[in-house]
Amino acid sequence: MVGGERGSFTAELAAGLPALLVLLLAGLTVLNAVSTQASCLHTAREAALAVARGASASDGEQTAPPGTEMSVSVDGDRVRATVRAPVRALGGRLPRITVAATAVAAVEPGAQVVSR
């Protein structure tokens, strides 16, 4: 072993661990965002179908992630539900990410459409 290389592994490890931690937090944040977006899509689909059948949009809010904002609009024979939810970035004071999903359903014949 050459005397000049002594301790180089420790220095490389000290430099690499923060980068590895940042990559881990970024990966967990992305996983959380994808999961929240899938939940928003499910909620938007349920709300659009509920309104298209003549029920209330609140019937679809049962599966909504926390902090969800939902809007439902009726345009002729189409119902559009849009759901937005914040995703907190892991790691403290980072800004929040907002994910959104939209679903469209056709109004069923004879249904009394109640928009929210």
PDB file of N, CA and C in Angstrom:
ATOM      1  N   MET A   1       0.844  -1.179   0.000  1.00  0.00           N
ATOM      2  CA  MET A   1       0.000   0.000   0.000  1.00  0.00           C
ATOM      3  C   MET A   1       0.887   1.239   0.000  1.00  0.00           C
ATOM      4  N   VAL A   2       0.604   2.138  -0.850  1.00  0.00           N
ATOM      5  CA  VAL A   2       1.363   3.375  -0.963  1.00  0.00           C
ATOM      6  C   VAL A   2       0.890   4.327   0.125  1.00  0.00           C
ATOM      7  N   GLY A   3       1.788   5.008   0.763  1.00  0.00           N
ATOM      8  CA  GLY A   3       1.463   5.891   1.881  1.00  0.00           C
ATOM      9  C   GLY A   3       0.586   7.062   1.496  1.00  0.00           C
ATOM     10  N   GLY A   4       0.607   7.537   0.236  1.00  0.00           N
ATOM     11  CA  GLY A   4      -0.176   8.696  -0.191  1.00  0.00           C
ATOM     12  C   GLY A   4      -1.653   8.410  -0.377  1.00  0.00           C
ATOM     13  N   GLU A   5      -2.009   7.124  -0.461  1.00  0.00           N
ATOM     14  CA  GLU A   5      -3.410   6.763  -0.689  1.00  0.00           C
ATOM     15  C   GLU A   5      -4.154   6.431   0.594  1.00  0.00           C
ATOM     16  N   ARG A   6      -3.476   6.513   1.676  1.00  0.00           N
ATOM     17  CA  ARG A   6      -4.081   6.145   2.943  1.00  0.00           C
ATOM     18  C   ARG A   6      -5.211   7.124   3.300  1.00  0.00           C
ATOM     19  N   GLY A   7      -6.404   6.618   3.600  1.00  0.00           N
ATOM     20  CA  GLY A   7      -7.550   7.446   3.959  1.00  0.00           C
ATOM     21  C   GLY A   7      -8.362   7.927   2.774  1.00  0.00           C
ATOM     22  N   SER A   8      -8.004   7.520   1.553  1.00  0.00           N
ATOM     23  CA  SER A   8      -8.742   8.003   0.381  1.00  0.00           C
ATOM     24  C   SER A   8     -10.155   7.414   0.330  1.00  0.00           C
ATOM     25  N   PHE A   9     -10.326   6.194   0.819  1.00  0.00           N
ATOM     26  CA  PHE A   9     -11.662   5.600   0.836  1.00  0.00           C
ATOM     27  C   PHE A   9     -12.595   6.396   1.744  1.00  0.00           C
ATOM     28  N   THR A  10     -12.094   6.828   2.879  1.00  0.00           N
ATOM     29  CA  THR A  10     -12.902   7.613   3.806  1.00  0.00           C
ATOM     30  C   THR A  10     -13.318   8.934   3.178  1.00  0.00           C
ATOM     31  N   ALA A  11     -12.412   9.570   2.470  1.00  0.00           N
ATOM     32  CA  ALA A  11     -12.731  10.839   1.815  1.00  0.00           C
ATOM     33  C   ALA A  11     -13.759  10.642   0.700  1.00  0.00           C
ATOM     34  N   GLU A  12     -13.614   9.583  -0.068  1.00  0.00           N
ATOM     35  CA  GLU A  12     -14.576   9.313  -1.140  1.00  0.00           C
ATOM     36  C   GLU A  12     -15.954   8.976  -0.565  1.00  0.00           C
ATOM     37  N   LEU A  13     -15.963   8.226   0.523  1.00  0.00           N
ATOM     38  CA  LEU A  13     -17.219   7.894   1.172  1.00  0.00           C
ATOM     39  C   LEU A  13     -17.887   9.143   1.733  1.00  0.00           C
ATOM     40  N   ALA A  14     -17.132  10.022   2.329  1.00  0.00           N
ATOM     41  CA  ALA A  14     -17.680  11.265   2.888  1.00  0.00           C
ATOM     42  C   ALA A  14     -18.241  12.158   1.783  1.00  0.00           C
ATOM     43  N   ALA A  15     -17.647  12.125   0.609  1.00  0.00           N
ATOM     44  CA  ALA A  15     -18.142  12.935  -0.507  1.00  0.00           C
ATOM     45  C   ALA A  15     -19.346  12.278  -1.180  1.00  0.00           C
ATOM     46  N   GLY A  16     -19.401  10.962  -1.180  1.00  0.00           N
ATOM     47  CA  GLY A  16     -20.460  10.255  -1.891  1.00  0.00           C
ATOM     48  C   GLY A  16     -21.752  10.068  -1.111  1.00  0.00           C
ATOM     49  N   LEU A  17     -21.691  10.014   0.207  1.00  0.00           N
ATOM     50  CA  LEU A  17     -22.901   9.787   1.004  1.00  0.00           C
ATOM     51  C   LEU A  17     -23.953  10.889   0.856  1.00  0.00           C
ATOM     52  N   PRO A  18     -23.594  12.167   0.874  1.00  0.00           N
ATOM     53  CA  PRO A  18     -24.642  13.183   0.665  1.00  0.00           C
ATOM     54  C   PRO A  18     -25.312  13.073  -0.701  1.00  0.00           C
ATOM     55  N   ALA A  19     -24.542  12.752  -1.729  1.00  0.00           N
ATOM     56  CA  ALA A  19     -25.129  12.585  -3.063  1.00  0.00           C
ATOM     57  C   ALA A  19     -26.084  11.392  -3.083  1.00  0.00           C
ATOM     58  N   LEU A  20     -25.705  10.317  -2.416  1.00  0.00           N
ATOM     59  CA  LEU A  20     -26.565   9.146  -2.335  1.00  0.00           C
ATOM     60  C   LEU A  20     -27.846   9.456  -1.563  1.00  0.00           C
ATOM     61  N   LEU A  21     -27.737  10.228  -0.503  1.00  0.00           N
ATOM     62  CA  LEU A  21     -28.905  10.625   0.274  1.00  0.00           C
ATOM     63  C   LEU A  21     -29.852  11.496  -0.549  1.00  0.00           C
ATOM     64  N   VAL A  22     -29.319  12.428  -1.328  1.00  0.00           N
ATOM     65  CA  VAL A  22     -30.151  13.279  -2.186  1.00  0.00           C
ATOM     66  C   VAL A  22     -30.874  12.429  -3.226  1.00  0.00           C
ATOM     67  N   LEU A  23     -30.182  11.468  -3.825  1.00  0.00           N
ATOM     68  CA  LEU A  23     -30.821  10.590  -4.810  1.00  0.00           C
ATOM     69  C   LEU A  23     -31.917   9.740  -4.166  1.00  0.00           C
ATOM     70  N   LEU A  24     -31.694   9.269  -2.961  1.00  0.00           N
ATOM     71  CA  LEU A  24     -32.703   8.488  -2.257  1.00  0.00           C
ATOM     72  C   LEU A  24     -33.942   9.327  -1.962  1.00  0.00           C
ATOM     73  N   LEU A  25     -33.751  10.549  -1.475  1.00  0.00           N
ATOM     74  CA  LEU A  25     -34.891  11.428  -1.189  1.00  0.00           C
ATOM     75  C   LEU A  25     -35.644  11.796  -2.465  1.00  0.00           C
ATOM     76  N   ALA A  26     -34.908  12.036  -3.551  1.00  0.00           N
ATOM     77  CA  ALA A  26     -35.561  12.347  -4.829  1.00  0.00           C
ATOM     78  C   ALA A  26     -36.386  11.163  -5.312  1.00  0.00           C
ATOM     79  N   GLY A  27     -35.852   9.968  -5.186  1.00  0.00           N
ATOM     80  CA  GLY A  27     -36.593   8.772  -5.601  1.00  0.00           C
ATOM     81  C   GLY A  27     -37.844   8.557  -4.774  1.00  0.00           C
ATOM     82  N   LEU A  28     -37.760   8.763  -3.467  1.00  0.00           N
ATOM     83  CA  LEU A  28     -38.935   8.619  -2.613  1.00  0.00           C
ATOM     84  C   LEU A  28     -39.986   9.681  -2.917  1.00  0.00           C
ATOM     85  N   THR A  29     -39.544  10.896  -3.235  1.00  0.00           N
ATOM     86  CA  THR A  29     -40.484  11.961  -3.599  1.00  0.00           C
ATOM     87  C   THR A  29     -41.206  11.619  -4.899  1.00  0.00           C
ATOM     88  N   VAL A  30     -40.477  11.110  -5.871  1.00  0.00           N
ATOM     89  CA  VAL A  30     -41.098  10.721  -7.142  1.00  0.00           C
ATOM     90  C   VAL A  30     -42.095   9.585  -6.922  1.00  0.00           C
ATOM     91  N   LEU A  31     -41.738   8.628  -6.103  1.00  0.00           N
ATOM     92  CA  LEU A  31     -42.648   7.525  -5.802  1.00  0.00           C
ATOM     93  C   LEU A  31     -43.918   8.040  -5.120  1.00  0.00           C
ATOM     94  N   ASN A  32     -43.780   8.969  -4.199  1.00  0.00           N
ATOM     95  CA  ASN A  32     -44.929   9.571  -3.530  1.00  0.00           C
ATOM     96  C   ASN A  32     -45.790  10.348  -4.520  1.00  0.00           C
ATOM     97  N   ALA A  33     -45.166  11.078  -5.442  1.00  0.00           N
ATOM     98  CA  ALA A  33     -45.911  11.853  -6.438  1.00  0.00           C
ATOM     99  C   ALA A  33     -46.682  10.943  -7.385  1.00  0.00           C
ATOM    100  N   VAL A  34     -46.075   9.854  -7.808  1.00  0.00           N
ATOM    101  CA  VAL A  34     -46.758   8.922  -8.710  1.00  0.00           C
ATOM    102  C   VAL A  34     -47.941   8.269  -8.004  1.00  0.00           C
ATOM    103  N   SER A  35     -47.758   7.902  -6.756  1.00  0.00           N
ATOM    104  CA  SER A  35     -48.843   7.302  -5.988  1.00  0.00           C
ATOM    105  C   SER A  35     -49.998   8.287  -5.790  1.00  0.00           C
ATOM    106  N   THR A  36     -49.679   9.530  -5.481  1.00  0.00           N
ATOM    107  CA  THR A  36     -50.711  10.554  -5.296  1.00  0.00           C
ATOM    108  C   THR A  36     -51.430  10.841  -6.604  1.00  0.00           C
ATOM    109  N   GLN A  37     -50.690  10.856  -7.713  1.00  0.00           N
ATOM    110  CA  GLN A  37     -51.300  11.114  -9.011  1.00  0.00           C
ATOM    111  C   GLN A  37     -52.259   9.984  -9.383  1.00  0.00           C
ATOM    112  N   ALA A  38     -51.892   8.752  -9.088  1.00  0.00           N
ATOM    113  CA  ALA A  38     -52.787   7.617  -9.355  1.00  0.00           C
ATOM    114  C   ALA A  38     -54.047   7.724  -8.501  1.00  0.00           C
ATOM    115  N   SER A  39     -53.901   8.161  -7.274  1.00  0.00           N
ATOM    116  CA  SER A  39     -55.062   8.353  -6.401  1.00  0.00           C
ATOM    117  C   SER A  39     -55.952   9.477  -6.920  1.00  0.00           C
ATOM    118  N   CYS A  40     -55.341  10.547  -7.435  1.00  0.00           N
ATOM    119  CA  CYS A  40     -56.118  11.650  -8.028  1.00  0.00           C
ATOM    120  C   CYS A  40     -56.888  11.169  -9.255  1.00  0.00           C
ATOM    121  N   LEU A  41     -56.255  10.345 -10.071  1.00  0.00           N
ATOM    122  CA  LEU A  41     -56.932   9.817 -11.252  1.00  0.00           C
ATOM    123  C   LEU A  41     -58.131   8.955 -10.857  1.00  0.00           C
ATOM    124  N   HIS A  42     -57.959   8.132  -9.850  1.00  0.00           N
ATOM    125  CA  HIS A  42     -59.058   7.295  -9.375  1.00  0.00           C
ATOM    126  C   HIS A  42     -60.204   8.155  -8.847  1.00  0.00           C
ATOM    127  N   THR A  43     -59.865   9.189  -8.088  1.00  0.00           N
ATOM    128  CA  THR A  43     -60.886  10.083  -7.538  1.00  0.00           C
ATOM    129  C   THR A  43     -61.610  10.833  -8.645  1.00  0.00           C
ATOM    130  N   ALA A  44     -60.875  11.331  -9.637  1.00  0.00           N
ATOM    131  CA  ALA A  44     -61.493  12.056 -10.758  1.00  0.00           C
ATOM    132  C   ALA A  44     -62.421  11.136 -11.541  1.00  0.00           C
ATOM    133  N   ARG A  45     -61.996   9.909 -11.760  1.00  0.00           N
ATOM    134  CA  ARG A  45     -62.829   8.954 -12.488  1.00  0.00           C
ATOM    135  C   ARG A  45     -64.117   8.648 -11.726  1.00  0.00           C
ATOM    136  N   GLU A  46     -63.996   8.420 -10.425  1.00  0.00           N
ATOM    137  CA  GLU A  46     -65.179   8.126  -9.612  1.00  0.00           C
ATOM    138  C   GLU A  46     -66.136   9.323  -9.568  1.00  0.00           C
ATOM    139  N   ALA A  47     -65.595  10.530  -9.434  1.00  0.00           N
ATOM    140  CA  ALA A  47     -66.447  11.724  -9.381  1.00  0.00           C
ATOM    141  C   ALA A  47     -67.149  11.956 -10.709  1.00  0.00           C
ATOM    142  N   ALA A  48     -66.431  11.816 -11.833  1.00  0.00           N
ATOM    143  CA  ALA A  48     -67.043  12.015 -13.151  1.00  0.00           C
ATOM    144  C   ALA A  48     -68.144  10.991 -13.392  1.00  0.00           C
ATOM    145  N   LEU A  49     -67.900   9.749 -13.025  1.00  0.00           N
ATOM    146  CA  LEU A  49     -68.926   8.718 -13.204  1.00  0.00           C
ATOM    147  C   LEU A  49     -70.126   8.956 -12.298  1.00  0.00           C
ATOM    148  N   ALA A  50     -69.883   9.407 -11.072  1.00  0.00           N
ATOM    149  CA  ALA A  50     -70.988   9.670 -10.147  1.00  0.00           C
ATOM    150  C   ALA A  50     -71.878  10.786 -10.672  1.00  0.00           C
ATOM    151  N   VAL A  51     -71.290  11.869 -11.141  1.00  0.00           N
ATOM    152  CA  VAL A  51     -72.083  12.984 -11.667  1.00  0.00           C
ATOM    153  C   VAL A  51     -72.788  12.567 -12.951  1.00  0.00           C
ATOM    154  N   ALA A  52     -72.125  11.776 -13.794  1.00  0.00           N
ATOM    155  CA  ALA A  52     -72.737  11.327 -15.046  1.00  0.00           C
ATOM    156  C   ALA A  52     -73.946  10.435 -14.794  1.00  0.00           C
ATOM    157  N   ARG A  53     -73.978   9.780 -13.652  1.00  0.00           N
ATOM    158  CA  ARG A  53     -75.122   8.923 -13.300  1.00  0.00           C
ATOM    159  C   ARG A  53     -76.212   9.683 -12.568  1.00  0.00           C
ATOM    160  N   GLY A  54     -75.938  10.953 -12.237  1.00  0.00           N
ATOM    161  CA  GLY A  54     -76.935  11.759 -11.547  1.00  0.00           C
ATOM    162  C   GLY A  54     -76.713  11.867 -10.056  1.00  0.00           C
ATOM    163  N   ALA A  55     -75.635  11.313  -9.547  1.00  0.00           N
ATOM    164  CA  ALA A  55     -75.335  11.404  -8.118  1.00  0.00           C
ATOM    165  C   ALA A  55     -74.495  12.657  -7.857  1.00  0.00           C
ATOM    166  N   SER A  56     -74.127  12.850  -6.625  1.00  0.00           N
ATOM    167  CA  SER A  56     -73.319  13.999  -6.242  1.00  0.00           C
ATOM    168  C   SER A  56     -71.839  13.700  -6.470  1.00  0.00           C
ATOM    169  N   ALA A  57     -71.051  14.736  -6.743  1.00  0.00           N
ATOM    170  CA  ALA A  57     -69.610  14.566  -6.936  1.00  0.00           C
ATOM    171  C   ALA A  57     -68.923  14.136  -5.655  1.00  0.00           C
ATOM    172  N   SER A  58     -69.537  14.404  -4.512  1.00  0.00           N
ATOM    173  CA  SER A  58     -68.923  14.024  -3.242  1.00  0.00           C
ATOM    174  C   SER A  58     -68.871  12.512  -3.075  1.00  0.00           C
ATOM    175  N   ASP A  59     -69.638  11.774  -3.885  1.00  0.00           N
ATOM    176  CA  ASP A  59     -69.575  10.316  -3.832  1.00  0.00           C
ATOM    177  C   ASP A  59     -68.196   9.815  -4.267  1.00  0.00           C
ATOM    178  N   GLY A  60     -67.512  10.572  -5.094  1.00  0.00           N
ATOM    179  CA  GLY A  60     -66.190  10.171  -5.563  1.00  0.00           C
ATOM    180  C   GLY A  60     -65.054  10.666  -4.697  1.00  0.00           C
ATOM    181  N   GLU A  61     -65.349  11.528  -3.729  1.00  0.00           N
ATOM    182  CA  GLU A  61     -64.299  12.110  -2.899  1.00  0.00           C
ATOM    183  C   GLU A  61     -63.803  11.186  -1.796  1.00  0.00           C
ATOM    184  N   GLN A  62     -64.390  10.039  -1.636  1.00  0.00           N
ATOM    185  CA  GLN A  62     -63.990   9.141  -0.560  1.00  0.00           C
ATOM    186  C   GLN A  62     -62.571   8.631  -0.734  1.00  0.00           C
ATOM    187  N   THR A  63     -62.099   8.532  -1.958  1.00  0.00           N
ATOM    188  CA  THR A  63     -60.751   8.021  -2.219  1.00  0.00           C
ATOM    189  C   THR A  63     -59.730   9.124  -2.424  1.00  0.00           C
ATOM    190  N   ALA A  64     -60.117  10.359  -2.179  1.00  0.00           N
ATOM    191  CA  ALA A  64     -59.238  11.495  -2.451  1.00  0.00           C
ATOM    192  C   ALA A  64     -58.071  11.564  -1.469  1.00  0.00           C
ATOM    193  N   PRO A  65     -56.881  11.912  -1.968  1.00  0.00           N
ATOM    194  CA  PRO A  65     -55.757  12.120  -1.060  1.00  0.00           C
ATOM    195  C   PRO A  65     -55.968  13.382  -0.229  1.00  0.00           C
ATOM    196  N   PRO A  66     -55.247  13.537   0.881  1.00  0.00           N
ATOM    197  CA  PRO A  66     -55.422  14.728   1.715  1.00  0.00           C
ATOM    198  C   PRO A  66     -55.039  16.009   0.978  1.00  0.00           C
ATOM    199  N   GLY A  67     -55.788  17.075   1.234  1.00  0.00           N
ATOM    200  CA  GLY A  67     -55.495  18.369   0.613  1.00  0.00           C
ATOM    201  C   GLY A  67     -55.966  18.490  -0.819  1.00  0.00           C
ATOM    202  N   THR A  68     -56.878  17.637  -1.219  1.00  0.00           N
ATOM    203  CA  THR A  68     -57.337  17.591  -2.610  1.00  0.00           C
ATOM    204  C   THR A  68     -58.275  18.748  -2.933  1.00  0.00           C
ATOM    205  N   GLU A  69     -58.107  19.295  -4.129  1.00  0.00           N
ATOM    206  CA  GLU A  69     -59.048  20.272  -4.685  1.00  0.00           C
ATOM    207  C   GLU A  69     -59.693  19.616  -5.895  1.00  0.00           C
ATOM    208  N   MET A  70     -61.023  19.594  -5.923  1.00  0.00           N
ATOM    209  CA  MET A  70     -61.714  18.948  -7.031  1.00  0.00           C
ATOM    210  C   MET A  70     -62.689  19.917  -7.673  1.00  0.00           C
ATOM    211  N   SER A  71     -62.720  19.895  -8.998  1.00  0.00           N
ATOM    212  CA  SER A  71     -63.703  20.699  -9.727  1.00  0.00           C
ATOM    213  C   SER A  71     -64.395  19.794 -10.744  1.00  0.00           C
ATOM    214  N   VAL A  72     -65.704  19.986 -10.852  1.00  0.00           N
ATOM    215  CA  VAL A  72     -66.513  19.204 -11.781  1.00  0.00           C
ATOM    216  C   VAL A  72     -67.282  20.175 -12.654  1.00  0.00           C
ATOM    217  N   SER A  73     -67.217  19.958 -13.958  1.00  0.00           N
ATOM    218  CA  SER A  73     -67.978  20.813 -14.870  1.00  0.00           C
ATOM    219  C   SER A  73     -68.766  19.931 -15.831  1.00  0.00           C
ATOM    220  N   VAL A  74     -69.933  20.440 -16.225  1.00  0.00           N
ATOM    221  CA  VAL A  74     -70.793  19.732 -17.166  1.00  0.00           C
ATOM    222  C   VAL A  74     -70.878  20.569 -18.424  1.00  0.00           C
ATOM    223  N   ASP A  75     -70.535  19.945 -19.546  1.00  0.00           N
ATOM    224  CA  ASP A  75     -70.575  20.638 -20.831  1.00  0.00           C
ATOM    225  C   ASP A  75     -71.408  19.785 -21.788  1.00  0.00           C
ATOM    226  N   GLY A  76     -72.679  20.117 -21.879  1.00  0.00           N
ATOM    227  CA  GLY A  76     -73.567  19.340 -22.744  1.00  0.00           C
ATOM    228  C   GLY A  76     -73.771  17.938 -22.203  1.00  0.00           C
ATOM    229  N   ASP A  77     -73.296  16.955 -22.943  1.00  0.00           N
ATOM    230  CA  ASP A  77     -73.464  15.564 -22.508  1.00  0.00           C
ATOM    231  C   ASP A  77     -72.173  14.974 -21.948  1.00  0.00           C
ATOM    232  N   ARG A  78     -71.245  15.821 -21.546  1.00  0.00           N
ATOM    233  CA  ARG A  78     -69.964  15.376 -20.979  1.00  0.00           C
ATOM    234  C   ARG A  78     -69.759  15.968 -19.589  1.00  0.00           C
ATOM    235  N   VAL A  79     -69.213  15.161 -18.703  1.00  0.00           N
ATOM    236  CA  VAL A  79     -68.849  15.606 -17.357  1.00  0.00           C
ATOM    237  C   VAL A  79     -67.334  15.511 -17.243  1.00  0.00           C
ATOM    238  N   ARG A  80     -66.711  16.591 -16.810  1.00  0.00           N
ATOM    239  CA  ARG A  80     -65.259  16.611 -16.640  1.00  0.00           C
ATOM    240  C   ARG A  80     -64.944  16.870 -15.171  1.00  0.00           C
ATOM    241  N   ALA A  81     -64.176  15.967 -14.581  1.00  0.00           N
ATOM    242  CA  ALA A  81     -63.746  16.117 -13.192  1.00  0.00           C
ATOM    243  C   ALA A  81     -62.227  16.263 -13.172  1.00  0.00           C
ATOM    244  N   THR A  82     -61.752  17.294 -12.489  1.00  0.00           N
ATOM    245  CA  THR A  82     -60.316  17.536 -12.350  1.00  0.00           C
ATOM    246  C   THR A  82     -59.979  17.540 -10.867  1.00  0.00           C
ATOM    247  N   VAL A  83     -58.951  16.788 -10.517  1.00  0.00           N
ATOM    248  CA  VAL A  83     -58.518  16.666  -9.128  1.00  0.00           C
ATOM    249  C   VAL A  83     -57.058  17.081  -9.038  1.00  0.00           C
ATOM    250  N   ARG A  84     -56.762  17.974  -8.088  1.00  0.00           N
ATOM    251  CA  ARG A  84     -55.385  18.419  -7.835  1.00  0.00           C
ATOM    252  C   ARG A  84     -55.057  18.137  -6.372  1.00  0.00           C
ATOM    253  N   ALA A  85     -53.827  17.659  -6.143  1.00  0.00           N
ATOM    254  CA  ALA A  85     -53.401  17.371  -4.773  1.00  0.00           C
ATOM    255  C   ALA A  85     -51.934  17.749  -4.616  1.00  0.00           C
ATOM    256  N   PRO A  86     -51.575  18.315  -3.466  1.00  0.00           N
ATOM    257  CA  PRO A  86     -50.165  18.651  -3.229  1.00  0.00           C
ATOM    258  C   PRO A  86     -49.381  17.409  -2.800  1.00  0.00           C
ATOM    259  N   VAL A  87     -48.131  17.388  -3.200  1.00  0.00           N
ATOM    260  CA  VAL A  87     -47.215  16.326  -2.788  1.00  0.00           C
ATOM    261  C   VAL A  87     -46.060  17.003  -2.079  1.00  0.00           C
ATOM    262  N   ARG A  88     -45.858  16.643  -0.852  1.00  0.00           N
ATOM    263  CA  ARG A  88     -44.768  17.243  -0.080  1.00  0.00           C
ATOM    264  C   ARG A  88     -43.461  16.560  -0.449  1.00  0.00           C
ATOM    265  N   ALA A  89     -42.490  17.370  -0.833  1.00  0.00           N
ATOM    266  CA  ALA A  89     -41.169  16.834  -1.155  1.00  0.00           C
ATOM    267  C   ALA A  89     -40.490  16.412   0.140  1.00  0.00           C
ATOM    268  N   LEU A  90     -39.917  15.231   0.128  1.00  0.00           N
ATOM    269  CA  LEU A  90     -39.232  14.738   1.310  1.00  0.00           C
ATOM    270  C   LEU A  90     -37.949  15.528   1.517  1.00  0.00           C
ATOM    271  N   GLY A  91     -37.669  15.869   2.723  1.00  0.00           N
ATOM    272  CA  GLY A  91     -36.426  16.562   2.992  1.00  0.00           C
ATOM    273  C   GLY A  91     -36.603  17.984   3.473  1.00  0.00           C
ATOM    274  N   GLY A  92     -37.699  18.311   4.117  1.00  0.00           N
ATOM    275  CA  GLY A  92     -37.779  19.581   4.812  1.00  0.00           C
ATOM    276  C   GLY A  92     -38.416  20.722   4.077  1.00  0.00           C
ATOM    277  N   ARG A  93     -37.626  21.737   3.779  1.00  0.00           N
ATOM    278  CA  ARG A  93     -38.171  23.018   3.313  1.00  0.00           C
ATOM    279  C   ARG A  93     -38.268  23.128   1.803  1.00  0.00           C
ATOM    280  N   LEU A  94     -38.329  22.038   1.130  1.00  0.00           N
ATOM    281  CA  LEU A  94     -38.447  22.064  -0.320  1.00  0.00           C
ATOM    282  C   LEU A  94     -39.878  22.431  -0.711  1.00  0.00           C
ATOM    283  N   PRO A  95     -40.070  23.046  -1.866  1.00  0.00           N
ATOM    284  CA  PRO A  95     -41.432  23.426  -2.272  1.00  0.00           C
ATOM    285  C   PRO A  95     -42.277  22.194  -2.576  1.00  0.00           C
ATOM    286  N   ARG A  96     -43.574  22.379  -2.464  1.00  0.00           N
ATOM    287  CA  ARG A  96     -44.504  21.287  -2.744  1.00  0.00           C
ATOM    288  C   ARG A  96     -44.709  21.156  -4.244  1.00  0.00           C
ATOM    289  N   ILE A  97     -44.988  19.947  -4.648  1.00  0.00           N
ATOM    290  CA  ILE A  97     -45.315  19.636  -6.034  1.00  0.00           C
ATOM    291  C   ILE A  97     -46.824  19.417  -6.079  1.00  0.00           C
ATOM    292  N   THR A  98     -47.477  19.880  -7.131  1.00  0.00           N
ATOM    293  CA  THR A  98     -48.913  19.643  -7.285  1.00  0.00           C
ATOM    294  C   THR A  98     -49.118  18.714  -8.465  1.00  0.00           C
ATOM    295  N   VAL A  99     -49.827  17.624  -8.227  1.00  0.00           N
ATOM    296  CA  VAL A  99     -50.164  16.705  -9.308  1.00  0.00           C
ATOM    297  C   VAL A  99     -51.650  16.846  -9.594  1.00  0.00           C
ATOM    298  N   ALA A 100     -52.028  16.558 -10.835  1.00  0.00           N
ATOM    299  CA  ALA A 100     -53.426  16.701 -11.237  1.00  0.00           C
ATOM    300  C   ALA A 100     -53.820  15.557 -12.155  1.00  0.00           C
ATOM    301  N   ALA A 101     -55.111  15.267 -12.157  1.00  0.00           N
ATOM    302  CA  ALA A 101     -55.666  14.256 -13.053  1.00  0.00           C
ATOM    303  C   ALA A 101     -57.057  14.709 -13.473  1.00  0.00           C
ATOM    304  N   THR A 102     -57.407  14.382 -14.698  1.00  0.00           N
ATOM    305  CA  THR A 102     -58.713  14.749 -15.246  1.00  0.00           C
ATOM    306  C   THR A 102     -59.377  13.513 -15.830  1.00  0.00           C
ATOM    307  N   ALA A 103     -60.665  13.387 -15.606  1.00  0.00           N
ATOM    308  CA  ALA A 103     -61.446  12.291 -16.182  1.00  0.00           C
ATOM    309  C   ALA A 103     -62.708  12.867 -16.805  1.00  0.00           C
ATOM    310  N   VAL A 104     -63.141  12.265 -17.903  1.00  0.00           N
ATOM    311  CA  VAL A 104     -64.335  12.697 -18.618  1.00  0.00           C
ATOM    312  C   VAL A 104     -65.274  11.507 -18.731  1.00  0.00           C
ATOM    313  N   ALA A 105     -66.559  11.757 -18.495  1.00  0.00           N
ATOM    314  CA  ALA A 105     -67.569  10.705 -18.621  1.00  0.00           C
ATOM    315  C   ALA A 105     -68.777  11.262 -19.370  1.00  0.00           C
ATOM    316  N   ALA A 106     -69.418  10.409 -20.111  1.00  0.00           N
ATOM    317  CA  ALA A 106     -70.632  10.799 -20.828  1.00  0.00           C
ATOM    318  C   ALA A 106     -71.825  10.716 -19.879  1.00  0.00           C
ATOM    319  N   VAL A 107     -72.704  11.711 -19.964  1.00  0.00           N
ATOM    320  CA  VAL A 107     -73.906  11.718 -19.134  1.00  0.00           C
ATOM    321  C   VAL A 107     -74.810  10.583 -19.586  1.00  0.00           C
ATOM    322  N   GLU A 108     -75.270   9.801 -18.634  1.00  0.00           N
ATOM    323  CA  GLU A 108     -76.138   8.679 -18.954  1.00  0.00           C
ATOM    324  C   GLU A 108     -77.534   9.187 -19.308  1.00  0.00           C
ATOM    325  N   PRO A 109     -78.186   8.526 -20.235  1.00  0.00           N
ATOM    326  CA  PRO A 109     -79.533   8.966 -20.636  1.00  0.00           C
ATOM    327  C   PRO A 109     -80.493   8.943 -19.451  1.00  0.00           C
ATOM    328  N   GLY A 110     -81.241  10.013 -19.314  1.00  0.00           N
ATOM    329  CA  GLY A 110     -82.227  10.125 -18.256  1.00  0.00           C
ATOM    330  C   GLY A 110     -81.679  10.538 -16.917  1.00  0.00           C
ATOM    331  N   ALA A 111     -80.376  10.770 -16.794  1.00  0.00           N
ATOM    332  CA  ALA A 111     -79.796  11.149 -15.519  1.00  0.00           C
ATOM    333  C   ALA A 111     -79.972  12.644 -15.289  1.00  0.00           C
ATOM    334  N   GLN A 112     -80.308  13.012 -14.068  1.00  0.00           N
ATOM    335  CA  GLN A 112     -80.385  14.415 -13.674  1.00  0.00           C
ATOM    336  C   GLN A 112     -79.018  14.825 -13.182  1.00  0.00           C
ATOM    337  N   VAL A 113     -78.288  15.566 -13.990  1.00  0.00           N
ATOM    338  CA  VAL A 113     -76.907  15.913 -13.675  1.00  0.00           C
ATOM    339  C   VAL A 113     -76.867  17.033 -12.647  1.00  0.00           C
ATOM    340  N   VAL A 114     -76.137  16.799 -11.575  1.00  0.00           N
ATOM    341  CA  VAL A 114     -75.948  17.775 -10.512  1.00  0.00           C
ATOM    342  C   VAL A 114     -74.459  18.111 -10.483  1.00  0.00           C
ATOM    343  N   SER A 115     -74.098  19.320 -10.921  1.00  0.00           N
ATOM    344  CA  SER A 115     -72.681  19.688 -10.897  1.00  0.00           C
ATOM    345  C   SER A 115     -72.372  20.367  -9.585  1.00  0.00           C
ATOM    346  N   ARG A 116     -71.103  20.398  -9.276  1.00  0.00           N
ATOM    347  CA  ARG A 116     -70.654  20.947  -8.001  1.00  0.00           C
ATOM    348  C   ARG A 116     -69.975  22.269  -8.205  1.00  0.00           C
TER     349      ARG A 116
END
